[in-house]
């Protein structure tokens, strides 16, 4: 009986995690195409400059060089684009929006 309960609990936990990840990916995809992301004012979105097929290359680098700026994380790199190319204020690196964008990029990398 305890074994059955354990497996049910494990299945439920995995299912909840999968649903949460799917929600993050969908939210990230919408944000990636949003020309108002991070308070952007230029009318551009991430997708305006970065195709989905090229976006996945941005993951797992030790350092990024973007528009003459150096970034040590994907979150910093995203904010450089939001601030410089999109005319926005950027996102809190620990925010749900940033997490969703990174989840979407990770999803694209696995495609």
PDB file of N, CA and C in Angstrom:
ATOM      1  N   UNK A   1       0.824  -1.189   0.000  1.00  0.00           N
ATOM      2  CA  UNK A   1       0.000   0.000   0.000  1.00  0.00           C
ATOM      3  C   UNK A   1       0.874   1.260   0.000  1.00  0.00           C
ATOM      4  N   UNK A   2       1.911   1.257   0.838  1.00  0.00           N
ATOM      5  CA  UNK A   2       2.812   2.402   0.915  1.00  0.00           C
ATOM      6  C   UNK A   2       3.550   2.601  -0.406  1.00  0.00           C
ATOM      7  N   UNK A   3       3.930   1.520  -1.028  1.00  0.00           N
ATOM      8  CA  UNK A   3       4.619   1.585  -2.324  1.00  0.00           C
ATOM      9  C   UNK A   3       3.717   2.225  -3.385  1.00  0.00           C
ATOM     10  N   UNK A   4       2.470   1.843  -3.397  1.00  0.00           N
ATOM     11  CA  UNK A   4       1.510   2.393  -4.359  1.00  0.00           C
ATOM     12  C   UNK A   4       1.342   3.904  -4.130  1.00  0.00           C
ATOM     13  N   UNK A   5       1.263   4.288  -2.861  1.00  0.00           N
ATOM     14  CA  UNK A   5       1.150   5.701  -2.524  1.00  0.00           C
ATOM     15  C   UNK A   5       2.382   6.468  -2.993  1.00  0.00           C
ATOM     16  N   UNK A   6       3.562   5.916  -2.746  1.00  0.00           N
ATOM     17  CA  UNK A   6       4.809   6.551  -3.151  1.00  0.00           C
ATOM     18  C   UNK A   6       4.847   6.773  -4.661  1.00  0.00           C
ATOM     19  N   UNK A   7       4.509   5.742  -5.434  1.00  0.00           N
ATOM     20  CA  UNK A   7       4.524   5.873  -6.894  1.00  0.00           C
ATOM     21  C   UNK A   7       3.479   6.872  -7.384  1.00  0.00           C
ATOM     22  N   UNK A   8       2.344   6.904  -6.738  1.00  0.00           N
ATOM     23  CA  UNK A   8       1.319   7.888  -7.099  1.00  0.00           C
ATOM     24  C   UNK A   8       1.807   9.301  -6.824  1.00  0.00           C
ATOM     25  N   UNK A   9       2.440   9.476  -5.681  1.00  0.00           N
ATOM     26  CA  UNK A   9       2.979  10.785  -5.315  1.00  0.00           C
ATOM     27  C   UNK A   9       4.082  11.211  -6.284  1.00  0.00           C
ATOM     28  N   UNK A  10       4.954  10.288  -6.631  1.00  0.00           N
ATOM     29  CA  UNK A  10       6.026  10.567  -7.579  1.00  0.00           C
ATOM     30  C   UNK A  10       5.462  10.964  -8.944  1.00  0.00           C
ATOM     31  N   UNK A  11       4.490  10.204  -9.434  1.00  0.00           N
ATOM     32  CA  UNK A  11       3.856  10.501 -10.721  1.00  0.00           C
ATOM     33  C   UNK A  11       3.218  11.887 -10.695  1.00  0.00           C
ATOM     34  N   UNK A  12       2.499  12.185  -9.612  1.00  0.00           N
ATOM     35  CA  UNK A  12       1.841  13.485  -9.481  1.00  0.00           C
ATOM     36  C   UNK A  12       2.858  14.622  -9.478  1.00  0.00           C
ATOM     37  N   UNK A  13       3.968  14.435  -8.772  1.00  0.00           N
ATOM     38  CA  UNK A  13       5.020  15.457  -8.715  1.00  0.00           C
ATOM     39  C   UNK A  13       5.627  15.712 -10.088  1.00  0.00           C
ATOM     40  N   UNK A  14       5.909  14.644 -10.814  1.00  0.00           N
ATOM     41  CA  UNK A  14       6.469  14.772 -12.167  1.00  0.00           C
ATOM     42  C   UNK A  14       5.477  15.457 -13.087  1.00  0.00           C
ATOM     43  N   UNK A  15       4.222  15.094 -12.982  1.00  0.00           N
ATOM     44  CA  UNK A  15       3.186  15.703 -13.808  1.00  0.00           C
ATOM     45  C   UNK A  15       3.075  17.199 -13.529  1.00  0.00           C
ATOM     46  N   UNK A  16       3.074  17.580 -12.259  1.00  0.00           N
ATOM     47  CA  UNK A  16       2.991  19.004 -11.901  1.00  0.00           C
ATOM     48  C   UNK A  16       4.201  19.774 -12.424  1.00  0.00           C
ATOM     49  N   UNK A  17       5.397  19.188 -12.290  1.00  0.00           N
ATOM     50  CA  UNK A  17       6.609  19.824 -12.780  1.00  0.00           C
ATOM     51  C   UNK A  17       6.544  20.001 -14.291  1.00  0.00           C
ATOM     52  N   UNK A  18       6.079  18.983 -15.004  1.00  0.00           N
ATOM     53  CA  UNK A  18       5.981  19.049 -16.470  1.00  0.00           C
ATOM     54  C   UNK A  18       5.001  20.125 -16.914  1.00  0.00           C
ATOM     55  N   UNK A  19       3.883  20.213 -16.230  1.00  0.00           N
ATOM     56  CA  UNK A  19       2.886  21.240 -16.566  1.00  0.00           C
ATOM     57  C   UNK A  19       3.463  22.628 -16.307  1.00  0.00           C
ATOM     58  N   UNK A  20       4.174  22.786 -15.188  1.00  0.00           N
ATOM     59  CA  UNK A  20       4.782  24.082 -14.872  1.00  0.00           C
ATOM     60  C   UNK A  20       5.822  24.460 -15.920  1.00  0.00           C
ATOM     61  N   UNK A  21       6.637  23.504 -16.348  1.00  0.00           N
ATOM     62  CA  UNK A  21       7.644  23.773 -17.382  1.00  0.00           C
ATOM     63  C   UNK A  21       6.976  24.148 -18.702  1.00  0.00           C
ATOM     64  N   UNK A  22       5.916  23.452 -19.062  1.00  0.00           N
ATOM     65  CA  UNK A  22       5.204  23.768 -20.303  1.00  0.00           C
ATOM     66  C   UNK A  22       4.635  25.179 -20.250  1.00  0.00           C
ATOM     67  N   UNK A  23       4.118  25.564 -19.082  1.00  0.00           N
ATOM     68  CA  UNK A  23       3.595  26.924 -18.917  1.00  0.00           C
ATOM     69  C   UNK A  23       4.712  27.956 -19.062  1.00  0.00           C
ATOM     70  N   UNK A  24       5.878  27.680 -18.457  1.00  0.00           N
ATOM     71  CA  UNK A  24       7.023  28.586 -18.585  1.00  0.00           C
ATOM     72  C   UNK A  24       7.462  28.721 -20.034  1.00  0.00           C
ATOM     73  N   UNK A  25       7.485  27.619 -20.753  1.00  0.00           N
ATOM     74  CA  UNK A  25       7.909  27.641 -22.162  1.00  0.00           C
ATOM     75  C   UNK A  25       6.937  28.469 -22.986  1.00  0.00           C
ATOM     76  N   UNK A  26       5.662  28.274 -22.786  1.00  0.00           N
ATOM     77  CA  UNK A  26       4.657  29.056 -23.535  1.00  0.00           C
ATOM     78  C   UNK A  26       4.750  30.536 -23.186  1.00  0.00           C
ATOM     79  N   UNK A  27       4.925  30.833 -21.909  1.00  0.00           N
ATOM     80  CA  UNK A  27       5.072  32.226 -21.484  1.00  0.00           C
ATOM     81  C   UNK A  27       6.344  32.821 -22.086  1.00  0.00           C
ATOM     82  N   UNK A  28       7.434  32.052 -22.062  1.00  0.00           N
ATOM     83  CA  UNK A  28       8.692  32.500 -22.637  1.00  0.00           C
ATOM     84  C   UNK A  28       8.579  32.784 -24.123  1.00  0.00           C
ATOM     85  N   UNK A  29       7.847  31.930 -24.825  1.00  0.00           N
ATOM     86  CA  UNK A  29       7.642  32.129 -26.267  1.00  0.00           C
ATOM     87  C   UNK A  29       6.889  33.431 -26.521  1.00  0.00           C
ATOM     88  N   UNK A  30       5.866  33.681 -25.733  1.00  0.00           N
ATOM     89  CA  UNK A  30       5.099  34.931 -25.884  1.00  0.00           C
ATOM     90  C   UNK A  30       5.969  36.146 -25.580  1.00  0.00           C
ATOM     91  N   UNK A  31       6.773  36.064 -24.523  1.00  0.00           N
ATOM     92  CA  UNK A  31       7.665  37.175 -24.173  1.00  0.00           C
ATOM     93  C   UNK A  31       8.718  37.399 -25.248  1.00  0.00           C
ATOM     94  N   UNK A  32       9.219  36.333 -25.836  1.00  0.00           N
ATOM     95  CA  UNK A  32      10.236  36.404 -26.891  1.00  0.00           C
ATOM     96  C   UNK A  32       9.724  37.202 -28.098  1.00  0.00           C
ATOM     97  N   UNK A  33       8.427  37.152 -28.302  1.00  0.00           N
ATOM     98  CA  UNK A  33       7.813  37.840 -29.449  1.00  0.00           C
ATOM     99  C   UNK A  33       7.135  39.152 -29.061  1.00  0.00           C
ATOM    100  N   UNK A  34       7.273  39.559 -27.801  1.00  0.00           N
ATOM    101  CA  UNK A  34       6.592  40.746 -27.280  1.00  0.00           C
ATOM    102  C   UNK A  34       7.433  42.009 -27.490  1.00  0.00           C
ATOM    103  N   UNK A  35       6.960  42.953 -28.309  1.00  0.00           N
ATOM    104  CA  UNK A  35       7.720  44.190 -28.539  1.00  0.00           C
ATOM    105  C   UNK A  35       7.694  45.156 -27.352  1.00  0.00           C
ATOM    106  N   UNK A  36       7.007  44.810 -26.280  1.00  0.00           N
ATOM    107  CA  UNK A  36       6.972  45.663 -25.086  1.00  0.00           C
ATOM    108  C   UNK A  36       7.679  45.004 -23.900  1.00  0.00           C
ATOM    109  N   UNK A  37       8.416  43.932 -24.158  1.00  0.00           N
ATOM    110  CA  UNK A  37       9.138  43.215 -23.111  1.00  0.00           C
ATOM    111  C   UNK A  37      10.075  44.145 -22.354  1.00  0.00           C
ATOM    112  N   UNK A  38      10.002  44.111 -21.052  1.00  0.00           N
ATOM    113  CA  UNK A  38      10.899  44.916 -20.220  1.00  0.00           C
ATOM    114  C   UNK A  38      10.743  46.408 -20.432  1.00  0.00           C
ATOM    115  N   UNK A  39       9.556  46.833 -20.843  1.00  0.00           N
ATOM    116  CA  UNK A  39       9.322  48.258 -21.069  1.00  0.00           C
ATOM    117  C   UNK A  39       9.899  48.769 -22.386  1.00  0.00           C
ATOM    118  N   UNK A  40      10.122  47.852 -23.333  1.00  0.00           N
ATOM    119  CA  UNK A  40      10.715  48.222 -24.620  1.00  0.00           C
ATOM    120  C   UNK A  40       9.871  49.272 -25.341  1.00  0.00           C
ATOM    121  N   UNK A  41      10.570  50.174 -26.035  1.00  0.00           N
ATOM    122  CA  UNK A  41       9.895  51.268 -26.737  1.00  0.00           C
ATOM    123  C   UNK A  41      10.212  51.319 -28.227  1.00  0.00           C
ATOM    124  N   UNK A  42      11.095  50.448 -28.711  1.00  0.00           N
ATOM    125  CA  UNK A  42      11.536  50.519 -30.108  1.00  0.00           C
ATOM    126  C   UNK A  42      10.607  49.803 -31.085  1.00  0.00           C
ATOM    127  N   UNK A  43       9.669  49.025 -30.557  1.00  0.00           N
ATOM    128  CA  UNK A  43       8.797  48.234 -31.427  1.00  0.00           C
ATOM    129  C   UNK A  43       9.414  46.901 -31.824  1.00  0.00           C
ATOM    130  N   UNK A  44      10.615  46.630 -31.336  1.00  0.00           N
ATOM    131  CA  UNK A  44      11.291  45.364 -31.628  1.00  0.00           C
ATOM    132  C   UNK A  44      11.035  44.362 -30.508  1.00  0.00           C
ATOM    133  N   UNK A  45      11.109  43.091 -30.877  1.00  0.00           N
ATOM    134  CA  UNK A  45      11.066  42.009 -29.900  1.00  0.00           C
ATOM    135  C   UNK A  45      12.364  41.222 -30.038  1.00  0.00           C
ATOM    136  N   UNK A  46      12.573  40.245 -29.174  1.00  0.00           N
ATOM    137  CA  UNK A  46      13.750  39.374 -29.316  1.00  0.00           C
ATOM    138  C   UNK A  46      13.744  38.727 -30.699  1.00  0.00           C
ATOM    139  N   UNK A  47      12.547  38.305 -31.130  1.00  0.00           N
ATOM    140  CA  UNK A  47      12.389  37.623 -32.415  1.00  0.00           C
ATOM    141  C   UNK A  47      12.695  38.530 -33.607  1.00  0.00           C
ATOM    142  N   UNK A  48      12.668  39.838 -33.417  1.00  0.00           N
ATOM    143  CA  UNK A  48      12.974  40.755 -34.518  1.00  0.00           C
ATOM    144  C   UNK A  48      14.413  40.593 -34.996  1.00  0.00           C
ATOM    145  N   UNK A  49      15.323  40.287 -34.065  1.00  0.00           N
ATOM    146  CA  UNK A  49      16.744  40.165 -34.402  1.00  0.00           C
ATOM    147  C   UNK A  49      17.266  38.730 -34.330  1.00  0.00           C
ATOM    148  N   UNK A  50      16.614  37.900 -33.519  1.00  0.00           N
ATOM    149  CA  UNK A  50      17.113  36.541 -33.284  1.00  0.00           C
ATOM    150  C   UNK A  50      16.050  35.524 -33.694  1.00  0.00           C
ATOM    151  N   UNK A  51      16.299  34.797 -34.776  1.00  0.00           N
ATOM    152  CA  UNK A  51      15.361  33.743 -35.162  1.00  0.00           C
ATOM    153  C   UNK A  51      15.370  32.666 -34.088  1.00  0.00           C
ATOM    154  N   UNK A  52      14.299  31.900 -34.016  1.00  0.00           N
ATOM    155  CA  UNK A  52      14.227  30.842 -33.007  1.00  0.00           C
ATOM    156  C   UNK A  52      15.343  29.826 -33.198  1.00  0.00           C
ATOM    157  N   UNK A  53      15.729  29.577 -34.434  1.00  0.00           N
ATOM    158  CA  UNK A  53      16.781  28.583 -34.677  1.00  0.00           C
ATOM    159  C   UNK A  53      18.155  29.082 -34.223  1.00  0.00           C
ATOM    160  N   UNK A  54      18.372  30.393 -34.251  1.00  0.00           N
ATOM    161  CA  UNK A  54      19.669  30.919 -33.811  1.00  0.00           C
ATOM    162  C   UNK A  54      19.696  31.218 -32.316  1.00  0.00           C
ATOM    163  N   UNK A  55      18.526  31.404 -31.712  1.00  0.00           N
ATOM    164  CA  UNK A  55      18.458  31.786 -30.298  1.00  0.00           C
ATOM    165  C   UNK A  55      19.044  30.724 -29.380  1.00  0.00           C
ATOM    166  N   UNK A  56      18.900  29.475 -29.727  1.00  0.00           N
ATOM    167  CA  UNK A  56      19.377  28.386 -28.869  1.00  0.00           C
ATOM    168  C   UNK A  56      20.892  28.390 -28.724  1.00  0.00           C
ATOM    169  N   UNK A  57      21.601  29.012 -29.654  1.00  0.00           N
ATOM    170  CA  UNK A  57      23.064  29.074 -29.582  1.00  0.00           C
ATOM    171  C   UNK A  57      23.557  29.950 -28.430  1.00  0.00           C
ATOM    172  N   UNK A  58      22.658  30.710 -27.851  1.00  0.00           N
ATOM    173  CA  UNK A  58      23.033  31.639 -26.796  1.00  0.00           C
ATOM    174  C   UNK A  58      23.242  30.967 -25.450  1.00  0.00           C
ATOM    175  N   UNK A  59      22.827  29.746 -25.319  1.00  0.00           N
ATOM    176  CA  UNK A  59      22.930  29.071 -24.021  1.00  0.00           C
ATOM    177  C   UNK A  59      24.321  28.522 -23.762  1.00  0.00           C
ATOM    178  N   UNK A  60      24.618  28.366 -22.491  1.00  0.00           N
ATOM    179  CA  UNK A  60      25.819  27.669 -22.018  1.00  0.00           C
ATOM    180  C   UNK A  60      27.142  28.288 -22.462  1.00  0.00           C
ATOM    181  N   UNK A  61      27.171  29.576 -22.627  1.00  0.00           N
ATOM    182  CA  UNK A  61      28.437  30.256 -22.879  1.00  0.00           C
ATOM    183  C   UNK A  61      28.970  30.775 -21.551  1.00  0.00           C
ATOM    184  N   UNK A  62      30.276  30.912 -21.465  1.00  0.00           N
ATOM    185  CA  UNK A  62      30.867  31.460 -20.241  1.00  0.00           C
ATOM    186  C   UNK A  62      30.839  32.976 -20.251  1.00  0.00           C
ATOM    187  N   UNK A  63      30.832  33.550 -21.466  1.00  0.00           N
ATOM    188  CA  UNK A  63      30.798  35.000 -21.586  1.00  0.00           C
ATOM    189  C   UNK A  63      30.139  35.357 -22.907  1.00  0.00           C
ATOM    190  N   UNK A  64      29.425  36.461 -22.895  1.00  0.00           N
ATOM    191  CA  UNK A  64      28.722  36.949 -24.069  1.00  0.00           C
ATOM    192  C   UNK A  64      29.264  38.325 -24.429  1.00  0.00           C
ATOM    193  N   UNK A  65      29.343  38.601 -25.714  1.00  0.00           N
ATOM    194  CA  UNK A  65      29.724  39.921 -26.192  1.00  0.00           C
ATOM    195  C   UNK A  65      28.599  40.416 -27.096  1.00  0.00           C
ATOM    196  N   UNK A  66      27.897  41.447 -26.623  1.00  0.00           N
ATOM    197  CA  UNK A  66      26.717  41.942 -27.318  1.00  0.00           C
ATOM    198  C   UNK A  66      26.781  43.454 -27.417  1.00  0.00           C
ATOM    199  N   UNK A  67      26.758  43.960 -28.623  1.00  0.00           N
ATOM    200  CA  UNK A  67      26.729  45.408 -28.848  1.00  0.00           C
ATOM    201  C   UNK A  67      27.824  46.127 -28.060  1.00  0.00           C
ATOM    202  N   UNK A  68      29.005  45.548 -28.017  1.00  0.00           N
ATOM    203  CA  UNK A  68      30.125  46.158 -27.312  1.00  0.00           C
ATOM    204  C   UNK A  68      30.105  45.971 -25.808  1.00  0.00           C
ATOM    205  N   UNK A  69      29.167  45.191 -25.316  1.00  0.00           N
ATOM    206  CA  UNK A  69      29.049  44.927 -23.875  1.00  0.00           C
ATOM    207  C   UNK A  69      29.390  43.476 -23.580  1.00  0.00           C
ATOM    208  N   UNK A  70      29.922  43.231 -22.418  1.00  0.00           N
ATOM    209  CA  UNK A  70      30.227  41.879 -21.960  1.00  0.00           C
ATOM    210  C   UNK A  70      29.185  41.456 -20.931  1.00  0.00           C
ATOM    211  N   UNK A  71      28.774  40.200 -21.014  1.00  0.00           N
ATOM    212  CA  UNK A  71      27.838  39.637 -20.038  1.00  0.00           C
ATOM    213  C   UNK A  71      28.343  38.267 -19.619  1.00  0.00           C
ATOM    214  N   UNK A  72      28.137  37.943 -18.369  1.00  0.00           N
ATOM    215  CA  UNK A  72      28.617  36.664 -17.843  1.00  0.00           C
ATOM    216  C   UNK A  72      27.508  35.628 -17.715  1.00  0.00           C
ATOM    217  N   UNK A  73      26.272  35.995 -18.034  1.00  0.00           N
ATOM    218  CA  UNK A  73      25.163  35.048 -17.950  1.00  0.00           C
ATOM    219  C   UNK A  73      24.166  35.340 -19.065  1.00  0.00           C
ATOM    220  N   UNK A  74      23.343  34.364 -19.359  1.00  0.00           N
ATOM    221  CA  UNK A  74      22.309  34.556 -20.381  1.00  0.00           C
ATOM    222  C   UNK A  74      21.333  35.645 -19.939  1.00  0.00           C
ATOM    223  N   UNK A  75      21.076  35.730 -18.639  1.00  0.00           N
ATOM    224  CA  UNK A  75      20.173  36.758 -18.134  1.00  0.00           C
ATOM    225  C   UNK A  75      20.739  38.161 -18.380  1.00  0.00           C
ATOM    226  N   UNK A  76      22.029  38.345 -18.143  1.00  0.00           N
ATOM    227  CA  UNK A  76      22.664  39.639 -18.422  1.00  0.00           C
ATOM    228  C   UNK A  76      22.619  39.943 -19.914  1.00  0.00           C
ATOM    229  N   UNK A  77      22.856  38.923 -20.744  1.00  0.00           N
ATOM    230  CA  UNK A  77      22.832  39.115 -22.196  1.00  0.00           C
ATOM    231  C   UNK A  77      21.446  39.535 -22.668  1.00  0.00           C
ATOM    232  N   UNK A  78      20.425  38.894 -22.129  1.00  0.00           N
ATOM    233  CA  UNK A  78      19.043  39.256 -22.484  1.00  0.00           C
ATOM    234  C   UNK A  78      18.785  40.716 -22.115  1.00  0.00           C
ATOM    235  N   UNK A  79      19.223  41.120 -20.933  1.00  0.00           N
ATOM    236  CA  UNK A  79      18.987  42.508 -20.503  1.00  0.00           C
ATOM    237  C   UNK A  79      19.749  43.523 -21.344  1.00  0.00           C
ATOM    238  N   UNK A  80      20.920  43.171 -21.817  1.00  0.00           N
ATOM    239  CA  UNK A  80      21.649  44.081 -22.719  1.00  0.00           C
ATOM    240  C   UNK A  80      20.822  44.327 -23.974  1.00  0.00           C
ATOM    241  N   UNK A  81      20.245  43.284 -24.533  1.00  0.00           N
ATOM    242  CA  UNK A  81      19.412  43.448 -25.726  1.00  0.00           C
ATOM    243  C   UNK A  81      18.154  44.262 -25.422  1.00  0.00           C
ATOM    244  N   UNK A  82      17.516  43.953 -24.298  1.00  0.00           N
ATOM    245  CA  UNK A  82      16.302  44.696 -23.937  1.00  0.00           C
ATOM    246  C   UNK A  82      16.616  46.179 -23.782  1.00  0.00           C
ATOM    247  N   UNK A  83      17.712  46.500 -23.119  1.00  0.00           N
ATOM    248  CA  UNK A  83      18.050  47.904 -22.867  1.00  0.00           C
ATOM    249  C   UNK A  83      18.564  48.616 -24.109  1.00  0.00           C
ATOM    250  N   UNK A  84      19.474  47.992 -24.851  1.00  0.00           N
ATOM    251  CA  UNK A  84      20.132  48.679 -25.965  1.00  0.00           C
ATOM    252  C   UNK A  84      19.381  48.581 -27.292  1.00  0.00           C
ATOM    253  N   UNK A  85      18.914  47.422 -27.643  1.00  0.00           N
ATOM    254  CA  UNK A  85      18.248  47.258 -28.940  1.00  0.00           C
ATOM    255  C   UNK A  85      16.752  47.551 -28.877  1.00  0.00           C
ATOM    256  N   UNK A  86      16.157  47.280 -27.714  1.00  0.00           N
ATOM    257  CA  UNK A  86      14.710  47.414 -27.611  1.00  0.00           C
ATOM    258  C   UNK A  86      14.265  48.668 -26.855  1.00  0.00           C
ATOM    259  N   UNK A  87      15.204  49.375 -26.268  1.00  0.00           N
ATOM    260  CA  UNK A  87      14.874  50.615 -25.552  1.00  0.00           C
ATOM    261  C   UNK A  87      14.075  50.390 -24.280  1.00  0.00           C
ATOM    262  N   UNK A  88      14.314  49.256 -23.629  1.00  0.00           N
ATOM    263  CA  UNK A  88      13.586  48.948 -22.402  1.00  0.00           C
ATOM    264  C   UNK A  88      14.437  49.118 -21.159  1.00  0.00           C
ATOM    265  N   UNK A  89      13.882  48.709 -20.042  1.00  0.00           N
ATOM    266  CA  UNK A  89      14.565  48.835 -18.755  1.00  0.00           C
ATOM    267  C   UNK A  89      15.223  47.534 -18.326  1.00  0.00           C
ATOM    268  N   UNK A  90      14.878  46.442 -18.959  1.00  0.00           N
ATOM    269  CA  UNK A  90      15.415  45.149 -18.563  1.00  0.00           C
ATOM    270  C   UNK A  90      14.503  44.449 -17.576  1.00  0.00           C
ATOM    271  N   UNK A  91      14.886  43.243 -17.234  1.00  0.00           N
ATOM    272  CA  UNK A  91      14.113  42.410 -16.309  1.00  0.00           C
ATOM    273  C   UNK A  91      14.967  42.042 -15.104  1.00  0.00           C
ATOM    274  N   UNK A  92      14.333  41.860 -13.981  1.00  0.00           N
ATOM    275  CA  UNK A  92      15.028  41.319 -12.812  1.00  0.00           C
ATOM    276  C   UNK A  92      15.501  39.910 -13.202  1.00  0.00           C
ATOM    277  N   UNK A  93      16.786  39.614 -13.064  1.00  0.00           N
ATOM    278  CA  UNK A  93      17.310  38.303 -13.464  1.00  0.00           C
ATOM    279  C   UNK A  93      16.632  37.119 -12.770  1.00  0.00           C
ATOM    280  N   UNK A  94      16.016  37.357 -11.623  1.00  0.00           N
ATOM    281  CA  UNK A  94      15.356  36.279 -10.884  1.00  0.00           C
ATOM    282  C   UNK A  94      13.834  36.290 -11.065  1.00  0.00           C
ATOM    283  N   UNK A  95      13.339  37.167 -11.939  1.00  0.00           N
ATOM    284  CA  UNK A  95      11.891  37.290 -12.128  1.00  0.00           C
ATOM    285  C   UNK A  95      11.313  36.094 -12.884  1.00  0.00           C
ATOM    286  N   UNK A  96      10.015  35.926 -12.756  1.00  0.00           N
ATOM    287  CA  UNK A  96       9.321  34.856 -13.476  1.00  0.00           C
ATOM    288  C   UNK A  96       9.438  35.048 -14.983  1.00  0.00           C
ATOM    289  N   UNK A  97       9.403  36.297 -15.446  1.00  0.00           N
ATOM    290  CA  UNK A  97       9.538  36.554 -16.889  1.00  0.00           C
ATOM    291  C   UNK A  97      10.907  36.113 -17.401  1.00  0.00           C
ATOM    292  N   UNK A  98      11.958  36.428 -16.656  1.00  0.00           N
ATOM    293  CA  UNK A  98      13.300  36.026 -17.069  1.00  0.00           C
ATOM    294  C   UNK A  98      13.427  34.502 -17.062  1.00  0.00           C
ATOM    295  N   UNK A  99      12.899  33.873 -16.031  1.00  0.00           N
ATOM    296  CA  UNK A  99      12.941  32.412 -15.951  1.00  0.00           C
ATOM    297  C   UNK A  99      12.199  31.784 -17.130  1.00  0.00           C
ATOM    298  N   UNK A 100      11.078  32.375 -17.509  1.00  0.00           N
ATOM    299  CA  UNK A 100      10.302  31.858 -18.635  1.00  0.00           C
ATOM    300  C   UNK A 100      11.064  32.027 -19.954  1.00  0.00           C
ATOM    301  N   UNK A 101      11.715  33.166 -20.139  1.00  0.00           N
ATOM    302  CA  UNK A 101      12.522  33.371 -21.349  1.00  0.00           C
ATOM    303  C   UNK A 101      13.654  32.349 -21.448  1.00  0.00           C
ATOM    304  N   UNK A 102      14.347  32.129 -20.352  1.00  0.00           N
ATOM    305  CA  UNK A 102      15.446  31.159 -20.337  1.00  0.00           C
ATOM    306  C   UNK A 102      14.912  29.750 -20.563  1.00  0.00           C
ATOM    307  N   UNK A 103      13.750  29.420 -19.983  1.00  0.00           N
ATOM    308  CA  UNK A 103      13.143  28.106 -20.208  1.00  0.00           C
ATOM    309  C   UNK A 103      12.814  27.912 -21.690  1.00  0.00           C
ATOM    310  N   UNK A 104      12.341  28.968 -22.323  1.00  0.00           N
ATOM    311  CA  UNK A 104      12.027  28.890 -23.753  1.00  0.00           C
ATOM    312  C   UNK A 104      13.297  28.677 -24.580  1.00  0.00           C
ATOM    313  N   UNK A 105      14.371  29.365 -24.258  1.00  0.00           N
ATOM    314  CA  UNK A 105      15.631  29.175 -24.976  1.00  0.00           C
ATOM    315  C   UNK A 105      16.161  27.750 -24.786  1.00  0.00           C
ATOM    316  N   UNK A 106      16.018  27.218 -23.575  1.00  0.00           N
ATOM    317  CA  UNK A 106      16.452  25.838 -23.329  1.00  0.00           C
ATOM    318  C   UNK A 106      15.605  24.855 -24.138  1.00  0.00           C
ATOM    319  N   UNK A 107      14.322  25.148 -24.232  1.00  0.00           N
ATOM    320  CA  UNK A 107      13.431  24.321 -25.046  1.00  0.00           C
ATOM    321  C   UNK A 107      13.878  24.352 -26.513  1.00  0.00           C
ATOM    322  N   UNK A 108      14.188  25.530 -27.022  1.00  0.00           N
ATOM    323  CA  UNK A 108      14.632  25.656 -28.410  1.00  0.00           C
ATOM    324  C   UNK A 108      15.940  24.895 -28.652  1.00  0.00           C
ATOM    325  N   UNK A 109      16.820  24.896 -27.663  1.00  0.00           N
ATOM    326  CA  UNK A 109      18.105  24.206 -27.796  1.00  0.00           C
ATOM    327  C   UNK A 109      17.925  22.691 -27.925  1.00  0.00           C
ATOM    328  N   UNK A 110      16.848  22.179 -27.353  1.00  0.00           N
ATOM    329  CA  UNK A 110      16.591  20.733 -27.406  1.00  0.00           C
ATOM    330  C   UNK A 110      15.812  20.314 -28.636  1.00  0.00           C
ATOM    331  N   UNK A 111      15.264  21.269 -29.370  1.00  0.00           N
ATOM    332  CA  UNK A 111      14.453  20.964 -30.558  1.00  0.00           C
ATOM    333  C   UNK A 111      15.260  20.309 -31.641  1.00  0.00           C
TER     334      UNK A 111
END
